[in-house]
Amino acid sequence: MDAQRRLTLVAAAPEDSGEEPLVRELYGRVLRDARLDQDRSLEDVAGAVGMSKQYLSEIERGKKEPSSEMLRAVCGALGMSVEHLLFRSGRRLGAAHRTSVTRTVNRQVPTLLAA
C-alpha cells in the first residue's frame, strides 16, 4: 500500500510532469534546500525575516510569488545572495528543460520506428 502511495505522489510531482516549472517553484526549491542544508526550521528563518512560517512554507512550495524585497530578506536570513538564488534556480530550469527535451525525443523515437 505504501509503495503504491509513493508511486502516485512521485507521478504527480511537478518536476516529473514534463512541463517547465514556474520560477516561483524553482526559487522555493532552492530556498528550501538552503534552509535544510543549514538544519534550520521554518520558524527560525521566518522569524529572522519577520514573516509567518506559513508564508515561508508557501514560498518554498511554490504556492506564493514573493516580491523581490521578500526574496532578498529570505536570502539574507539564509546567508546567500540573490545572485546565488538566481543562479541555482537557472541551473534547475536548465536541468528541467533538458529532461523535458529528452522525454519528448524518447517518446517520438518508437513512433517513428513503428511507422
Protein backbone atom coordinates (compact mmCIF):
# COMPACT_ATOMS: atom_id res chain seq x y z
CA MET A 1 0.00 0.00 0.00
CA ASP A 2 2.76 2.45 0.93
CA ALA A 3 4.64 1.66 -2.28
CA GLN A 4 1.56 2.44 -4.37
CA ARG A 5 1.02 5.66 -2.48
CA ARG A 6 4.62 6.75 -3.01
CA LEU A 7 4.37 5.95 -6.71
CA THR A 8 1.26 8.08 -7.00
CA LEU A 9 2.93 11.01 -5.26
CA VAL A 10 6.05 10.75 -7.41
CA ALA A 11 3.99 10.51 -10.59
CA ALA A 12 2.10 13.66 -9.60
CA ALA A 13 5.22 15.70 -8.72
CA PRO A 14 5.52 18.90 -10.80
CA GLU A 15 9.12 18.19 -11.80
CA ASP A 16 8.01 14.88 -13.33
CA SER A 17 5.05 16.30 -15.24
CA GLY A 18 7.06 17.22 -18.34
CA GLU A 19 6.13 20.89 -18.00
CA GLU A 20 8.71 23.56 -17.23
CA PRO A 21 8.39 24.58 -13.58
CA LEU A 22 7.30 28.07 -12.63
CA VAL A 23 10.03 30.45 -11.49
CA ARG A 24 8.42 30.70 -8.05
CA GLU A 25 8.65 26.89 -7.74
CA LEU A 26 12.34 26.99 -8.60
CA TYR A 27 13.01 29.77 -6.09
CA GLY A 28 11.12 27.83 -3.45
CA ARG A 29 13.09 24.64 -4.01
CA VAL A 30 16.41 26.47 -3.82
CA LEU A 31 15.38 28.30 -0.65
CA ARG A 32 14.14 25.12 0.99
CA ASP A 33 17.32 23.25 0.08
CA ALA A 34 19.45 26.06 1.52
CA ARG A 35 17.40 26.11 4.73
CA LEU A 36 17.57 22.34 5.14
CA ASP A 37 21.31 22.29 4.38
CA GLN A 38 21.71 24.62 7.36
CA ASP A 39 19.44 22.43 9.54
CA ARG A 40 17.20 25.42 10.22
CA SER A 41 13.47 25.32 10.85
CA LEU A 42 10.80 27.28 9.02
CA GLU A 43 10.11 29.10 12.27
CA ASP A 44 13.75 30.14 12.67
CA VAL A 45 14.15 31.57 9.17
CA ALA A 46 10.70 33.14 9.08
CA GLY A 47 11.36 34.81 12.43
CA ALA A 48 14.66 36.23 11.17
CA VAL A 49 12.85 37.70 8.16
CA GLY A 50 9.75 38.86 10.05
CA MET A 51 7.17 36.72 8.26
CA SER A 52 4.98 33.85 9.31
CA LYS A 53 6.28 30.33 8.93
CA GLN A 54 3.14 29.50 6.93
CA TYR A 55 4.00 32.16 4.35
CA LEU A 56 7.61 30.95 4.11
CA SER A 57 6.33 27.40 3.66
CA GLU A 58 4.07 28.56 0.82
CA ILE A 59 7.03 30.30 -0.83
CA GLU A 60 9.15 27.15 -0.53
CA ARG A 61 6.37 25.03 -2.05
CA GLY A 62 5.94 27.46 -4.95
CA LYS A 63 2.42 28.43 -3.91
CA LYS A 64 3.18 32.14 -3.39
CA GLU A 65 5.02 34.58 -5.63
CA PRO A 66 7.25 36.58 -3.25
CA SER A 67 8.33 40.14 -4.01
CA SER A 68 11.97 40.85 -4.78
CA GLU A 69 12.25 42.50 -1.37
CA MET A 70 10.96 39.37 0.32
CA LEU A 71 13.35 37.16 -1.67
CA ARG A 72 16.25 39.43 -0.66
CA ALA A 73 15.22 39.17 3.00
CA VAL A 74 14.93 35.37 2.94
CA CYS A 75 18.24 35.06 1.10
CA GLY A 76 19.85 37.35 3.68
CA ALA A 77 18.50 35.24 6.53
CA LEU A 78 19.99 32.17 4.84
CA GLY A 79 23.33 33.90 4.25
CA MET A 80 23.13 33.73 0.48
CA SER A 81 22.95 36.41 -2.18
CA VAL A 82 20.01 36.93 -4.50
CA GLU A 83 22.50 36.33 -7.34
CA HIS A 84 23.15 32.85 -5.92
CA LEU A 85 19.39 32.19 -5.75
CA LEU A 86 19.00 33.22 -9.39
CA PHE A 87 21.98 31.14 -10.48
CA ARG A 88 20.82 27.98 -8.72
CA SER A 89 17.26 28.47 -9.98
CA GLY A 90 18.56 28.91 -13.52
CA ARG A 91 20.54 25.70 -13.29
CA ARG A 92 17.42 23.85 -12.15
CA LEU A 93 15.42 25.33 -15.00
CA GLY A 94 18.09 24.21 -17.47
CA ALA A 95 18.05 20.71 -16.00
CA ALA A 96 14.24 20.61 -16.19
CA HIS A 97 14.36 21.76 -19.80
CA ARG A 98 16.96 19.12 -20.76
CA THR A 99 14.88 16.42 -19.08
CA SER A 100 11.76 17.60 -20.92
CA VAL A 101 13.54 17.53 -24.29
CA THR A 102 14.95 14.07 -23.58
CA ARG A 103 11.49 12.74 -22.70
CA THR A 104 10.00 14.24 -25.86
CA VAL A 105 12.69 12.69 -28.05
CA ASN A 106 12.38 9.33 -26.32
CA ARG A 107 8.62 9.34 -26.84
CA GLN A 108 8.92 10.17 -30.53
CA VAL A 109 11.51 7.54 -31.42
CA PRO A 110 9.25 4.48 -31.00
CA THR A 111 6.52 6.22 -33.02
CA LEU A 112 8.95 6.97 -35.83
CA LEU A 113 10.34 3.44 -35.85
CA ALA A 114 6.88 1.89 -35.83
CA ALA A 115 5.65 3.95 -38.79
